[in-house]
C-alpha cells in the first residue's frame, strides 16, 4: 500500500491513543436534568463520533426510548443520578453493534441487582472493574491492527499497480470486518446464553 494509506493507518493508531473512557470519579455526584446529561455525554464522548460536526452522542429522544425499553431505570423527578449516567455509557458503547433487545438482556440483570442498591457492591464498582483494562487492551488492539495491515499489504501483488492500492485497502477492510463479524457473533451467543439461563431460573 502507498504512503497515503500508511499515513491513514498512523492517524487511526494515533486516534486510539486518544481514547479515554469516562472515569466514574469524573461523573458529577449530584443528580442532573436531561439537558445536563446530554451536555455531559456530548462533552466527554464527542471525540469518538464519526462526524463530530453533525452526529449526536446522545439525544433526549434516545434517553427517553432507553427508559421506555427498560434499558435505563426511570429518572427520579426528572433527574438522573451518577448511576444513570454509568448505564448510559454502557448503552452508548453497545448500541453501535447490538440490538435494543440484546442490550436489554445484558443490562437488565445489572440494573435490577446493582442499581442504587444498599449493597457494598454496585454499578459503579462493575463499571470500574470492566474498564480498568482499557489502556492494556488498546495496545493489544493496535498490534492486531498493524498485523492485519501488514497482511493486507501482501495481497494482490499479481494485479496491475494502479489497481493495487484500492484492492489492498479493500483487503485490509475485509480483515478488520471479519474480526468484527466473529466477535459480534460471539457476543450474541453469550447474550443468548444469558437469556436462556435467566429464563431457566424463572421456570425453576
N, C-alpha and C. Protein backbone atom coordinates (compact mmCIF):
# COMPACT_ATOMS: atom_id res chain seq x y z
N UNK A 1 0.84 -1.19 0.00
CA UNK A 1 0.00 0.00 0.00
C UNK A 1 0.88 1.25 0.00
N UNK A 2 0.41 2.29 -0.63
CA UNK A 2 1.20 3.51 -0.77
C UNK A 2 1.21 4.30 0.53
N UNK A 3 2.01 5.37 0.49
CA UNK A 3 2.26 6.15 1.70
C UNK A 3 0.99 6.78 2.26
N UNK A 4 0.01 7.16 1.38
CA UNK A 4 -1.18 7.82 1.91
C UNK A 4 -1.99 6.88 2.79
N UNK A 5 -2.00 5.59 2.42
CA UNK A 5 -2.70 4.60 3.25
C UNK A 5 -1.96 4.40 4.56
N UNK A 6 -0.64 4.39 4.51
CA UNK A 6 0.16 4.25 5.73
C UNK A 6 -0.08 5.45 6.64
N UNK A 7 -0.19 6.63 6.05
CA UNK A 7 -0.49 7.83 6.85
C UNK A 7 -1.86 7.70 7.51
N UNK A 8 -2.82 7.15 6.76
CA UNK A 8 -4.16 6.95 7.31
C UNK A 8 -4.09 5.98 8.49
N UNK A 9 -3.33 4.90 8.33
CA UNK A 9 -3.17 3.93 9.41
C UNK A 9 -2.55 4.59 10.64
N UNK A 10 -1.51 5.37 10.43
CA UNK A 10 -0.88 6.06 11.56
C UNK A 10 -1.85 7.00 12.26
N UNK A 11 -2.71 7.63 11.48
CA UNK A 11 -3.72 8.51 12.05
C UNK A 11 -4.71 7.73 12.90
N UNK A 12 -5.10 6.54 12.40
CA UNK A 12 -6.03 5.68 13.14
C UNK A 12 -5.39 5.23 14.45
N UNK A 13 -4.15 4.79 14.38
CA UNK A 13 -3.46 4.32 15.58
C UNK A 13 -3.30 5.46 16.59
N UNK A 14 -3.02 6.66 16.08
CA UNK A 14 -2.89 7.81 16.97
C UNK A 14 -4.22 8.13 17.64
N UNK A 15 -5.32 7.96 16.91
CA UNK A 15 -6.64 8.23 17.48
C UNK A 15 -6.96 7.23 18.59
N UNK A 16 -6.45 6.00 18.46
CA UNK A 16 -6.66 5.00 19.51
C UNK A 16 -5.97 5.44 20.80
N UNK A 17 -4.82 6.08 20.65
CA UNK A 17 -4.10 6.57 21.83
C UNK A 17 -4.89 7.65 22.56
N UNK A 18 -5.76 8.35 21.82
CA UNK A 18 -6.50 9.44 22.44
C UNK A 18 -7.81 8.98 23.07
N UNK A 19 -8.15 7.71 22.90
CA UNK A 19 -9.38 7.20 23.52
C UNK A 19 -9.20 7.19 25.03
N UNK A 20 -10.16 7.76 25.71
CA UNK A 20 -10.09 7.80 27.17
C UNK A 20 -11.49 7.63 27.72
N UNK A 21 -11.74 6.52 28.37
CA UNK A 21 -13.08 6.28 28.88
C UNK A 21 -13.39 7.25 30.03
N UNK A 22 -14.67 7.45 30.25
CA UNK A 22 -15.10 8.34 31.33
C UNK A 22 -14.92 7.62 32.66
N UNK A 23 -14.08 8.14 33.50
CA UNK A 23 -13.89 7.54 34.82
C UNK A 23 -15.07 7.88 35.72
N UNK A 24 -15.43 6.93 36.56
CA UNK A 24 -16.58 7.15 37.46
C UNK A 24 -16.37 8.38 38.33
N UNK A 25 -15.13 8.64 38.70
CA UNK A 25 -14.84 9.77 39.57
C UNK A 25 -15.05 11.11 38.85
N UNK A 26 -15.10 11.09 37.51
CA UNK A 26 -15.31 12.32 36.74
C UNK A 26 -16.78 12.65 36.54
N UNK A 27 -17.65 11.74 36.94
CA UNK A 27 -19.09 11.97 36.78
C UNK A 27 -19.61 12.70 38.02
N UNK A 28 -20.39 13.76 37.83
CA UNK A 28 -20.90 14.52 38.98
C UNK A 28 -21.66 13.63 39.96
N UNK A 29 -21.48 13.90 41.24
CA UNK A 29 -22.17 13.13 42.28
C UNK A 29 -23.55 13.71 42.59
N UNK A 30 -23.94 14.71 41.85
CA UNK A 30 -25.27 15.30 42.04
C UNK A 30 -26.18 14.85 40.90
N UNK A 31 -27.47 14.81 41.16
CA UNK A 31 -28.43 14.42 40.12
C UNK A 31 -28.52 15.53 39.07
N UNK A 32 -28.69 15.11 37.81
CA UNK A 32 -28.70 16.06 36.70
C UNK A 32 -30.03 16.01 35.95
N UNK A 33 -30.41 17.15 35.40
CA UNK A 33 -31.56 17.18 34.50
C UNK A 33 -31.13 16.67 33.12
N UNK A 34 -32.11 16.36 32.29
CA UNK A 34 -31.84 15.78 30.98
C UNK A 34 -30.83 16.59 30.17
N UNK A 35 -31.02 17.92 30.08
CA UNK A 35 -30.11 18.76 29.30
C UNK A 35 -28.68 18.66 29.82
N UNK A 36 -28.53 18.56 31.13
CA UNK A 36 -27.19 18.45 31.71
C UNK A 36 -26.57 17.09 31.39
N UNK A 37 -27.39 16.05 31.34
CA UNK A 37 -26.89 14.71 30.99
C UNK A 37 -26.39 14.68 29.56
N UNK A 38 -27.21 15.19 28.62
CA UNK A 38 -26.81 15.15 27.21
C UNK A 38 -25.56 16.02 26.98
N UNK A 39 -25.47 17.14 27.68
CA UNK A 39 -24.28 18.01 27.55
C UNK A 39 -23.04 17.29 28.08
N UNK A 40 -23.17 16.62 29.22
CA UNK A 40 -22.04 15.90 29.79
C UNK A 40 -21.57 14.79 28.85
N UNK A 41 -22.51 14.00 28.33
CA UNK A 41 -22.17 12.90 27.43
C UNK A 41 -21.51 13.43 26.16
N UNK A 42 -22.06 14.52 25.65
CA UNK A 42 -21.52 15.10 24.42
C UNK A 42 -20.09 15.61 24.63
N UNK A 43 -19.86 16.29 25.74
CA UNK A 43 -18.53 16.83 26.01
C UNK A 43 -17.48 15.74 26.16
N UNK A 44 -17.88 14.61 26.76
CA UNK A 44 -16.90 13.58 27.07
C UNK A 44 -16.72 12.53 25.96
N UNK A 45 -17.72 12.37 25.09
CA UNK A 45 -17.66 11.29 24.09
C UNK A 45 -17.63 11.78 22.65
N UNK A 46 -17.65 13.08 22.44
CA UNK A 46 -17.71 13.60 21.07
C UNK A 46 -16.50 13.18 20.24
N UNK A 47 -15.35 13.00 20.83
CA UNK A 47 -14.15 12.61 20.08
C UNK A 47 -14.34 11.27 19.36
N UNK A 48 -15.24 10.45 19.87
CA UNK A 48 -15.40 9.12 19.30
C UNK A 48 -16.42 9.01 18.19
N UNK A 49 -17.15 10.09 17.89
CA UNK A 49 -18.18 10.00 16.85
C UNK A 49 -17.54 10.19 15.48
N UNK A 50 -18.20 9.65 14.46
CA UNK A 50 -17.63 9.67 13.12
C UNK A 50 -17.60 11.07 12.53
N UNK A 51 -18.72 11.78 12.67
CA UNK A 51 -18.83 13.14 12.12
C UNK A 51 -19.14 14.10 13.27
N UNK A 52 -18.12 14.59 13.95
CA UNK A 52 -18.33 15.43 15.15
C UNK A 52 -19.19 16.66 14.91
N UNK A 53 -19.18 17.19 13.68
CA UNK A 53 -19.93 18.42 13.41
C UNK A 53 -21.43 18.18 13.35
N UNK A 54 -21.85 16.93 13.07
CA UNK A 54 -23.28 16.70 12.87
C UNK A 54 -23.85 15.55 13.71
N UNK A 55 -23.04 14.58 14.09
CA UNK A 55 -23.55 13.43 14.84
C UNK A 55 -23.83 13.81 16.29
N UNK A 56 -24.92 13.28 16.81
CA UNK A 56 -25.26 13.48 18.21
C UNK A 56 -24.78 12.28 19.02
N UNK A 57 -24.12 12.54 20.13
CA UNK A 57 -23.68 11.46 21.00
C UNK A 57 -24.89 10.77 21.62
N UNK A 58 -25.77 11.56 22.21
CA UNK A 58 -26.99 11.02 22.81
C UNK A 58 -28.02 12.14 22.93
N UNK A 59 -29.22 11.87 22.45
CA UNK A 59 -30.27 12.90 22.46
C UNK A 59 -31.31 12.59 23.54
N UNK A 60 -32.16 13.57 23.79
CA UNK A 60 -33.25 13.38 24.76
C UNK A 60 -34.16 12.24 24.31
N UNK A 61 -34.44 12.18 23.01
CA UNK A 61 -35.30 11.12 22.48
C UNK A 61 -34.69 9.75 22.72
N UNK A 62 -33.39 9.62 22.50
CA UNK A 62 -32.70 8.35 22.74
C UNK A 62 -32.86 7.93 24.20
N UNK A 63 -32.58 8.85 25.10
CA UNK A 63 -32.62 8.52 26.53
C UNK A 63 -34.04 8.14 26.95
N UNK A 64 -35.03 8.87 26.45
CA UNK A 64 -36.42 8.53 26.76
C UNK A 64 -36.78 7.13 26.25
N UNK A 65 -36.29 6.80 25.05
CA UNK A 65 -36.54 5.48 24.49
C UNK A 65 -35.85 4.37 25.29
N UNK A 66 -34.66 4.66 25.78
CA UNK A 66 -33.96 3.66 26.60
C UNK A 66 -34.76 3.36 27.87
N UNK A 67 -35.33 4.41 28.45
CA UNK A 67 -36.14 4.22 29.66
C UNK A 67 -37.42 3.44 29.34
N UNK A 68 -38.05 3.75 28.20
CA UNK A 68 -39.28 3.06 27.79
C UNK A 68 -39.04 1.58 27.52
N UNK A 69 -37.84 1.27 27.01
CA UNK A 69 -37.50 -0.12 26.67
C UNK A 69 -36.79 -0.85 27.81
N UNK A 70 -36.83 -0.26 29.02
CA UNK A 70 -36.26 -0.88 30.22
C UNK A 70 -34.74 -1.09 30.13
N UNK A 71 -34.08 -0.31 29.30
CA UNK A 71 -32.61 -0.35 29.29
C UNK A 71 -32.07 0.52 30.41
N UNK A 72 -32.82 1.56 30.74
CA UNK A 72 -32.40 2.54 31.73
C UNK A 72 -33.49 2.71 32.78
N UNK A 73 -33.15 2.60 34.05
CA UNK A 73 -34.16 2.85 35.09
C UNK A 73 -34.71 4.26 34.96
N UNK A 74 -35.97 4.47 35.29
CA UNK A 74 -36.57 5.81 35.14
C UNK A 74 -35.90 6.83 36.05
N UNK A 75 -35.88 8.08 35.61
CA UNK A 75 -35.28 9.13 36.45
C UNK A 75 -36.14 9.40 37.68
N UNK A 76 -35.54 10.00 38.67
CA UNK A 76 -36.26 10.37 39.89
C UNK A 76 -36.61 11.85 39.81
N UNK A 77 -37.90 12.15 39.62
CA UNK A 77 -38.37 13.54 39.49
C UNK A 77 -37.60 14.26 38.38
N UNK A 78 -37.47 13.58 37.24
CA UNK A 78 -36.83 14.12 36.04
C UNK A 78 -35.33 14.36 36.21
N UNK A 79 -34.76 13.77 37.25
CA UNK A 79 -33.32 13.92 37.46
C UNK A 79 -32.63 12.56 37.36
N UNK A 80 -31.40 12.61 36.82
CA UNK A 80 -30.63 11.40 36.58
C UNK A 80 -29.41 11.36 37.50
N UNK A 81 -29.22 10.22 38.13
CA UNK A 81 -28.12 10.07 39.08
C UNK A 81 -26.83 9.68 38.36
N UNK A 82 -25.77 9.60 39.13
CA UNK A 82 -24.47 9.14 38.60
C UNK A 82 -24.60 7.74 38.03
N UNK A 83 -25.40 6.91 38.69
CA UNK A 83 -25.58 5.53 38.20
C UNK A 83 -26.33 5.50 36.88
N UNK A 84 -27.27 6.41 36.69
CA UNK A 84 -27.95 6.52 35.40
C UNK A 84 -26.92 6.78 34.29
N UNK A 85 -26.00 7.69 34.55
CA UNK A 85 -25.00 8.05 33.54
C UNK A 85 -24.08 6.87 33.25
N UNK A 86 -23.72 6.10 34.26
CA UNK A 86 -22.90 4.92 34.04
C UNK A 86 -23.61 3.92 33.13
N UNK A 87 -24.90 3.73 33.35
CA UNK A 87 -25.68 2.84 32.49
C UNK A 87 -25.74 3.39 31.07
N UNK A 88 -25.92 4.70 30.94
CA UNK A 88 -25.97 5.32 29.62
C UNK A 88 -24.65 5.14 28.86
N UNK A 89 -23.54 5.17 29.57
CA UNK A 89 -22.24 4.97 28.92
C UNK A 89 -22.14 3.54 28.39
N UNK A 90 -22.59 2.57 29.16
CA UNK A 90 -22.63 1.19 28.66
C UNK A 90 -23.47 1.12 27.40
N UNK A 91 -24.66 1.72 27.43
CA UNK A 91 -25.57 1.71 26.28
C UNK A 91 -24.90 2.36 25.07
N UNK A 92 -24.21 3.47 25.30
CA UNK A 92 -23.55 4.18 24.20
C UNK A 92 -22.56 3.27 23.47
N UNK A 93 -21.79 2.52 24.22
CA UNK A 93 -20.81 1.64 23.58
C UNK A 93 -21.47 0.45 22.89
N UNK A 94 -22.54 -0.07 23.45
CA UNK A 94 -23.19 -1.25 22.89
C UNK A 94 -24.07 -0.95 21.67
N UNK A 95 -24.66 0.24 21.61
CA UNK A 95 -25.70 0.50 20.61
C UNK A 95 -25.17 0.49 19.18
N UNK A 96 -23.88 0.59 19.02
CA UNK A 96 -23.31 0.57 17.68
C UNK A 96 -23.30 -0.80 17.02
N UNK A 97 -23.41 -1.86 17.84
CA UNK A 97 -23.33 -3.19 17.23
C UNK A 97 -24.30 -4.21 17.83
N UNK A 98 -25.11 -3.80 18.82
CA UNK A 98 -26.10 -4.71 19.38
C UNK A 98 -27.49 -4.14 19.25
N UNK A 99 -28.48 -5.04 19.16
CA UNK A 99 -29.87 -4.61 19.09
C UNK A 99 -30.34 -4.14 20.47
N UNK A 100 -31.44 -3.39 20.48
CA UNK A 100 -32.02 -2.94 21.74
C UNK A 100 -32.34 -4.13 22.63
N UNK A 101 -32.88 -5.20 22.03
CA UNK A 101 -33.23 -6.40 22.80
C UNK A 101 -32.01 -7.04 23.45
N UNK A 102 -30.90 -7.10 22.71
CA UNK A 102 -29.68 -7.69 23.28
C UNK A 102 -29.13 -6.83 24.41
N UNK A 103 -29.16 -5.51 24.23
CA UNK A 103 -28.67 -4.62 25.28
C UNK A 103 -29.54 -4.77 26.54
N UNK A 104 -30.82 -4.92 26.33
CA UNK A 104 -31.74 -5.11 27.45
C UNK A 104 -31.41 -6.40 28.19
N UNK A 105 -31.19 -7.49 27.45
CA UNK A 105 -30.84 -8.77 28.07
C UNK A 105 -29.55 -8.65 28.88
N UNK A 106 -28.62 -7.89 28.36
CA UNK A 106 -27.32 -7.75 29.01
C UNK A 106 -27.36 -6.85 30.24
N UNK A 107 -28.10 -5.74 30.15
CA UNK A 107 -28.06 -4.75 31.23
C UNK A 107 -29.15 -4.91 32.29
N UNK A 108 -30.26 -5.53 31.92
CA UNK A 108 -31.37 -5.62 32.88
C UNK A 108 -30.98 -6.33 34.18
N UNK A 109 -30.26 -7.47 34.12
CA UNK A 109 -29.83 -8.09 35.39
C UNK A 109 -28.92 -7.19 36.21
N UNK A 110 -28.12 -6.37 35.51
CA UNK A 110 -27.21 -5.46 36.20
C UNK A 110 -28.01 -4.37 36.93
N UNK A 111 -28.96 -3.76 36.22
CA UNK A 111 -29.73 -2.68 36.84
C UNK A 111 -30.66 -3.20 37.93
N UNK A 112 -31.18 -4.42 37.76
CA UNK A 112 -32.09 -4.98 38.76
C UNK A 112 -31.36 -5.29 40.07
N UNK A 113 -30.10 -5.75 39.96
CA UNK A 113 -29.37 -6.18 41.16
C UNK A 113 -28.49 -5.10 41.78
N UNK A 114 -27.97 -4.21 40.94
CA UNK A 114 -26.90 -3.33 41.43
C UNK A 114 -27.18 -1.84 41.28
N UNK A 115 -28.36 -1.46 40.76
CA UNK A 115 -28.67 -0.05 40.58
C UNK A 115 -29.23 0.53 41.88
N UNK A 116 -28.57 1.56 42.39
CA UNK A 116 -28.99 2.23 43.63
C UNK A 116 -29.34 1.22 44.72
N UNK A 117 -28.39 0.35 44.96
CA UNK A 117 -28.58 -0.70 45.96
C UNK A 117 -27.92 -0.32 47.28
N UNK A 118 -28.38 -0.97 48.33
CA UNK A 118 -27.78 -0.75 49.65
C UNK A 118 -26.52 -1.60 49.84
N UNK A 119 -26.27 -2.49 48.87
CA UNK A 119 -25.12 -3.39 48.98
C UNK A 119 -23.81 -2.62 48.82
N UNK A 120 -22.73 -3.26 49.29
CA UNK A 120 -21.41 -2.65 49.15
C UNK A 120 -20.94 -2.64 47.70
N UNK A 121 -21.46 -3.59 46.90
CA UNK A 121 -21.05 -3.73 45.51
C UNK A 121 -22.16 -3.19 44.61
N UNK A 122 -21.84 -2.21 43.75
CA UNK A 122 -22.88 -1.58 42.94
C UNK A 122 -22.42 -1.36 41.50
N UNK A 123 -23.22 -0.63 40.74
CA UNK A 123 -22.92 -0.41 39.32
C UNK A 123 -21.59 0.32 39.13
N UNK A 124 -21.29 1.25 40.00
CA UNK A 124 -20.01 1.96 39.87
C UNK A 124 -18.83 0.99 40.00
N UNK A 125 -18.92 0.02 40.91
CA UNK A 125 -17.87 -0.98 41.06
C UNK A 125 -17.74 -1.83 39.79
N UNK A 126 -18.88 -2.21 39.22
CA UNK A 126 -18.87 -3.01 37.99
C UNK A 126 -18.23 -2.21 36.86
N UNK A 127 -18.62 -0.96 36.74
CA UNK A 127 -18.09 -0.09 35.69
C UNK A 127 -16.57 0.02 35.78
N UNK A 128 -16.07 0.32 36.97
CA UNK A 128 -14.63 0.48 37.15
C UNK A 128 -13.88 -0.83 36.89
N UNK A 129 -14.49 -1.94 37.28
CA UNK A 129 -13.84 -3.25 37.10
C UNK A 129 -13.65 -3.58 35.63
N UNK A 130 -14.68 -3.36 34.81
CA UNK A 130 -14.59 -3.78 33.41
C UNK A 130 -13.79 -2.80 32.55
N UNK A 131 -13.69 -1.53 32.97
CA UNK A 131 -12.97 -0.56 32.16
C UNK A 131 -11.52 -0.37 32.59
N UNK A 132 -11.10 -1.03 33.65
CA UNK A 132 -9.74 -0.82 34.14
C UNK A 132 -8.67 -1.35 33.19
N UNK A 133 -9.06 -2.27 32.30
CA UNK A 133 -8.09 -2.86 31.38
C UNK A 133 -8.03 -2.13 30.04
N UNK A 134 -8.70 -0.97 29.95
CA UNK A 134 -8.81 -0.28 28.68
C UNK A 134 -7.47 0.03 28.04
N UNK A 135 -6.55 0.62 28.79
CA UNK A 135 -5.26 1.00 28.23
C UNK A 135 -4.49 -0.21 27.71
N UNK A 136 -4.52 -1.28 28.49
CA UNK A 136 -3.85 -2.52 28.08
C UNK A 136 -4.47 -3.08 26.79
N UNK A 137 -5.79 -3.04 26.70
CA UNK A 137 -6.47 -3.58 25.52
C UNK A 137 -6.23 -2.72 24.28
N UNK A 138 -6.05 -1.44 24.44
CA UNK A 138 -5.76 -0.59 23.30
C UNK A 138 -4.42 -0.97 22.68
N UNK A 139 -3.43 -1.28 23.50
CA UNK A 139 -2.14 -1.71 22.99
C UNK A 139 -2.26 -3.03 22.23
N UNK A 140 -3.07 -3.95 22.76
CA UNK A 140 -3.31 -5.23 22.07
C UNK A 140 -4.00 -4.97 20.74
N UNK A 141 -4.98 -4.08 20.75
CA UNK A 141 -5.73 -3.75 19.54
C UNK A 141 -4.82 -3.11 18.48
N UNK A 142 -3.95 -2.21 18.90
CA UNK A 142 -3.04 -1.55 17.96
C UNK A 142 -2.13 -2.57 17.27
N UNK A 143 -1.63 -3.53 18.03
CA UNK A 143 -0.78 -4.57 17.44
C UNK A 143 -1.58 -5.41 16.44
N UNK A 144 -2.82 -5.74 16.80
CA UNK A 144 -3.66 -6.53 15.90
C UNK A 144 -3.94 -5.77 14.61
N UNK A 145 -4.22 -4.48 14.71
CA UNK A 145 -4.49 -3.66 13.52
C UNK A 145 -3.25 -3.61 12.62
N UNK A 146 -2.07 -3.46 13.22
CA UNK A 146 -0.83 -3.43 12.45
C UNK A 146 -0.59 -4.76 11.75
N UNK A 147 -0.85 -5.86 12.46
CA UNK A 147 -0.66 -7.19 11.86
C UNK A 147 -1.58 -7.37 10.65
N UNK A 148 -2.82 -6.92 10.77
CA UNK A 148 -3.76 -7.04 9.66
C UNK A 148 -3.35 -6.13 8.50
N UNK A 149 -2.85 -4.96 8.82
CA UNK A 149 -2.38 -4.04 7.79
C UNK A 149 -1.24 -4.68 6.98
N UNK A 150 -0.29 -5.26 7.69
CA UNK A 150 0.86 -5.87 7.01
C UNK A 150 0.44 -7.08 6.18
N UNK A 151 -0.53 -7.83 6.69
CA UNK A 151 -1.03 -8.98 5.93
C UNK A 151 -1.75 -8.51 4.66
N UNK A 152 -2.56 -7.44 4.80
CA UNK A 152 -3.27 -6.91 3.64
C UNK A 152 -2.30 -6.35 2.60
N UNK A 153 -1.18 -5.79 3.06
CA UNK A 153 -0.19 -5.21 2.15
C UNK A 153 0.45 -6.27 1.26
N UNK A 154 0.39 -7.53 1.68
CA UNK A 154 0.97 -8.62 0.90
C UNK A 154 0.02 -9.16 -0.16
N UNK A 155 -1.23 -8.72 -0.14
CA UNK A 155 -2.22 -9.27 -1.06
C UNK A 155 -2.19 -8.54 -2.41
N UNK A 156 -2.76 -9.18 -3.43
CA UNK A 156 -2.95 -8.62 -4.77
C UNK A 156 -1.66 -8.12 -5.42
N UNK A 157 -0.57 -8.81 -5.14
CA UNK A 157 0.70 -8.41 -5.74
C UNK A 157 0.77 -8.75 -7.23
N UNK A 158 -0.18 -9.56 -7.69
CA UNK A 158 -0.16 -10.01 -9.09
C UNK A 158 -1.04 -9.16 -10.01
N UNK A 159 -1.69 -8.11 -9.46
CA UNK A 159 -2.53 -7.26 -10.31
C UNK A 159 -1.76 -6.01 -10.69
N UNK A 160 -2.29 -5.27 -11.65
CA UNK A 160 -1.61 -4.06 -12.11
C UNK A 160 -1.46 -3.07 -10.96
N UNK A 161 -0.35 -2.34 -10.97
CA UNK A 161 0.00 -1.47 -9.85
C UNK A 161 -1.07 -0.42 -9.55
N UNK A 162 -1.70 0.12 -10.62
CA UNK A 162 -2.69 1.17 -10.40
C UNK A 162 -3.95 0.64 -9.71
N UNK A 163 -4.13 -0.69 -9.70
CA UNK A 163 -5.30 -1.29 -9.05
C UNK A 163 -4.99 -1.78 -7.63
N UNK A 164 -3.71 -1.87 -7.34
CA UNK A 164 -3.32 -2.47 -6.06
C UNK A 164 -3.77 -1.65 -4.85
N UNK A 165 -3.67 -0.34 -4.94
CA UNK A 165 -3.98 0.49 -3.77
C UNK A 165 -5.39 0.23 -3.26
N UNK A 166 -6.37 0.28 -4.18
CA UNK A 166 -7.76 0.04 -3.78
C UNK A 166 -7.94 -1.38 -3.26
N UNK A 167 -7.39 -2.36 -3.98
CA UNK A 167 -7.60 -3.76 -3.61
C UNK A 167 -6.94 -4.11 -2.28
N UNK A 168 -5.76 -3.56 -2.02
CA UNK A 168 -5.10 -3.80 -0.74
C UNK A 168 -5.88 -3.15 0.41
N UNK A 169 -6.41 -1.95 0.15
CA UNK A 169 -7.22 -1.29 1.17
C UNK A 169 -8.51 -2.09 1.42
N UNK A 170 -9.09 -2.61 0.32
CA UNK A 170 -10.28 -3.45 0.44
C UNK A 170 -9.96 -4.70 1.27
N UNK A 171 -8.80 -5.29 1.03
CA UNK A 171 -8.37 -6.47 1.78
C UNK A 171 -8.22 -6.14 3.27
N UNK A 172 -7.65 -4.97 3.57
CA UNK A 172 -7.47 -4.53 4.94
C UNK A 172 -8.83 -4.37 5.64
N UNK A 173 -9.78 -3.75 4.93
CA UNK A 173 -11.13 -3.58 5.49
C UNK A 173 -11.78 -4.94 5.73
N UNK A 174 -11.60 -5.87 4.79
CA UNK A 174 -12.19 -7.21 4.95
C UNK A 174 -11.62 -7.93 6.17
N UNK A 175 -10.31 -7.82 6.38
CA UNK A 175 -9.69 -8.45 7.55
C UNK A 175 -10.24 -7.86 8.85
N UNK A 176 -10.35 -6.55 8.90
CA UNK A 176 -10.92 -5.90 10.08
C UNK A 176 -12.39 -6.26 10.24
N UNK A 177 -13.11 -6.29 9.12
CA UNK A 177 -14.54 -6.60 9.16
C UNK A 177 -14.82 -8.01 9.62
N UNK A 178 -14.01 -8.96 9.18
CA UNK A 178 -14.21 -10.35 9.61
C UNK A 178 -14.02 -10.48 11.10
N UNK A 179 -13.05 -9.76 11.64
CA UNK A 179 -12.80 -9.76 13.07
C UNK A 179 -14.02 -9.23 13.83
N UNK A 180 -14.59 -8.13 13.32
CA UNK A 180 -15.80 -7.56 13.93
C UNK A 180 -16.95 -8.55 13.86
N UNK A 181 -17.12 -9.18 12.68
CA UNK A 181 -18.21 -10.15 12.48
C UNK A 181 -18.13 -11.30 13.48
N UNK A 182 -16.93 -11.86 13.63
CA UNK A 182 -16.76 -13.01 14.53
C UNK A 182 -17.01 -12.61 15.97
N UNK A 183 -16.49 -11.47 16.38
CA UNK A 183 -16.67 -11.03 17.77
C UNK A 183 -18.14 -10.70 18.05
N UNK A 184 -18.81 -10.09 17.08
CA UNK A 184 -20.23 -9.79 17.24
C UNK A 184 -21.03 -11.09 17.39
N UNK A 185 -20.70 -12.08 16.57
CA UNK A 185 -21.39 -13.37 16.66
C UNK A 185 -21.15 -14.02 18.02
N UNK A 186 -19.93 -13.93 18.52
CA UNK A 186 -19.60 -14.49 19.83
C UNK A 186 -20.38 -13.79 20.94
N UNK A 187 -20.43 -12.45 20.86
CA UNK A 187 -21.17 -11.67 21.86
C UNK A 187 -22.65 -12.05 21.85
N UNK A 188 -23.21 -12.20 20.65
CA UNK A 188 -24.63 -12.56 20.55
C UNK A 188 -24.90 -13.94 21.13
N UNK A 189 -23.98 -14.86 20.93
CA UNK A 189 -24.15 -16.21 21.50
C UNK A 189 -24.08 -16.16 23.03
N UNK A 190 -23.19 -15.34 23.56
CA UNK A 190 -23.08 -15.20 25.01
C UNK A 190 -24.35 -14.56 25.58
N UNK A 191 -24.89 -13.58 24.87
CA UNK A 191 -26.13 -12.93 25.32
C UNK A 191 -27.29 -13.92 25.27
N UNK A 192 -27.35 -14.75 24.22
CA UNK A 192 -28.40 -15.77 24.13
C UNK A 192 -28.30 -16.74 25.30
N UNK A 193 -27.07 -17.07 25.68
CA UNK A 193 -26.86 -17.96 26.82
C UNK A 193 -27.35 -17.31 28.11
N UNK A 194 -27.07 -16.00 28.26
CA UNK A 194 -27.57 -15.27 29.43
C UNK A 194 -29.09 -15.28 29.47
N UNK A 195 -29.70 -15.06 28.30
CA UNK A 195 -31.16 -15.03 28.21
C UNK A 195 -31.74 -16.39 28.58
N UNK A 196 -31.16 -17.46 28.04
CA UNK A 196 -31.66 -18.80 28.33
C UNK A 196 -31.49 -19.18 29.78
N UNK A 197 -30.34 -18.77 30.37
CA UNK A 197 -30.09 -19.04 31.78
C UNK A 197 -31.11 -18.31 32.64
N UNK A 198 -31.40 -17.05 32.29
CA UNK A 198 -32.39 -16.28 33.05
C UNK A 198 -33.77 -16.86 32.96
N UNK A 199 -34.15 -17.36 31.78
CA UNK A 199 -35.46 -17.98 31.60
C UNK A 199 -35.57 -19.28 32.37
N UNK A 200 -34.47 -20.04 32.41
CA UNK A 200 -34.46 -21.30 33.17
C UNK A 200 -34.66 -21.05 34.67
N UNK A 201 -34.02 -19.98 35.15
CA UNK A 201 -34.14 -19.65 36.58
C UNK A 201 -35.58 -19.25 36.91
N UNK A 202 -36.22 -18.52 35.98
CA UNK A 202 -37.61 -18.11 36.22
C UNK A 202 -38.53 -19.33 36.27
N UNK A 203 -38.26 -20.30 35.39
CA UNK A 203 -39.09 -21.51 35.35
C UNK A 203 -38.87 -22.35 36.61
N UNK A 204 -37.59 -22.35 37.09
CA UNK A 204 -37.27 -23.13 38.26
C UNK A 204 -37.86 -22.53 39.52
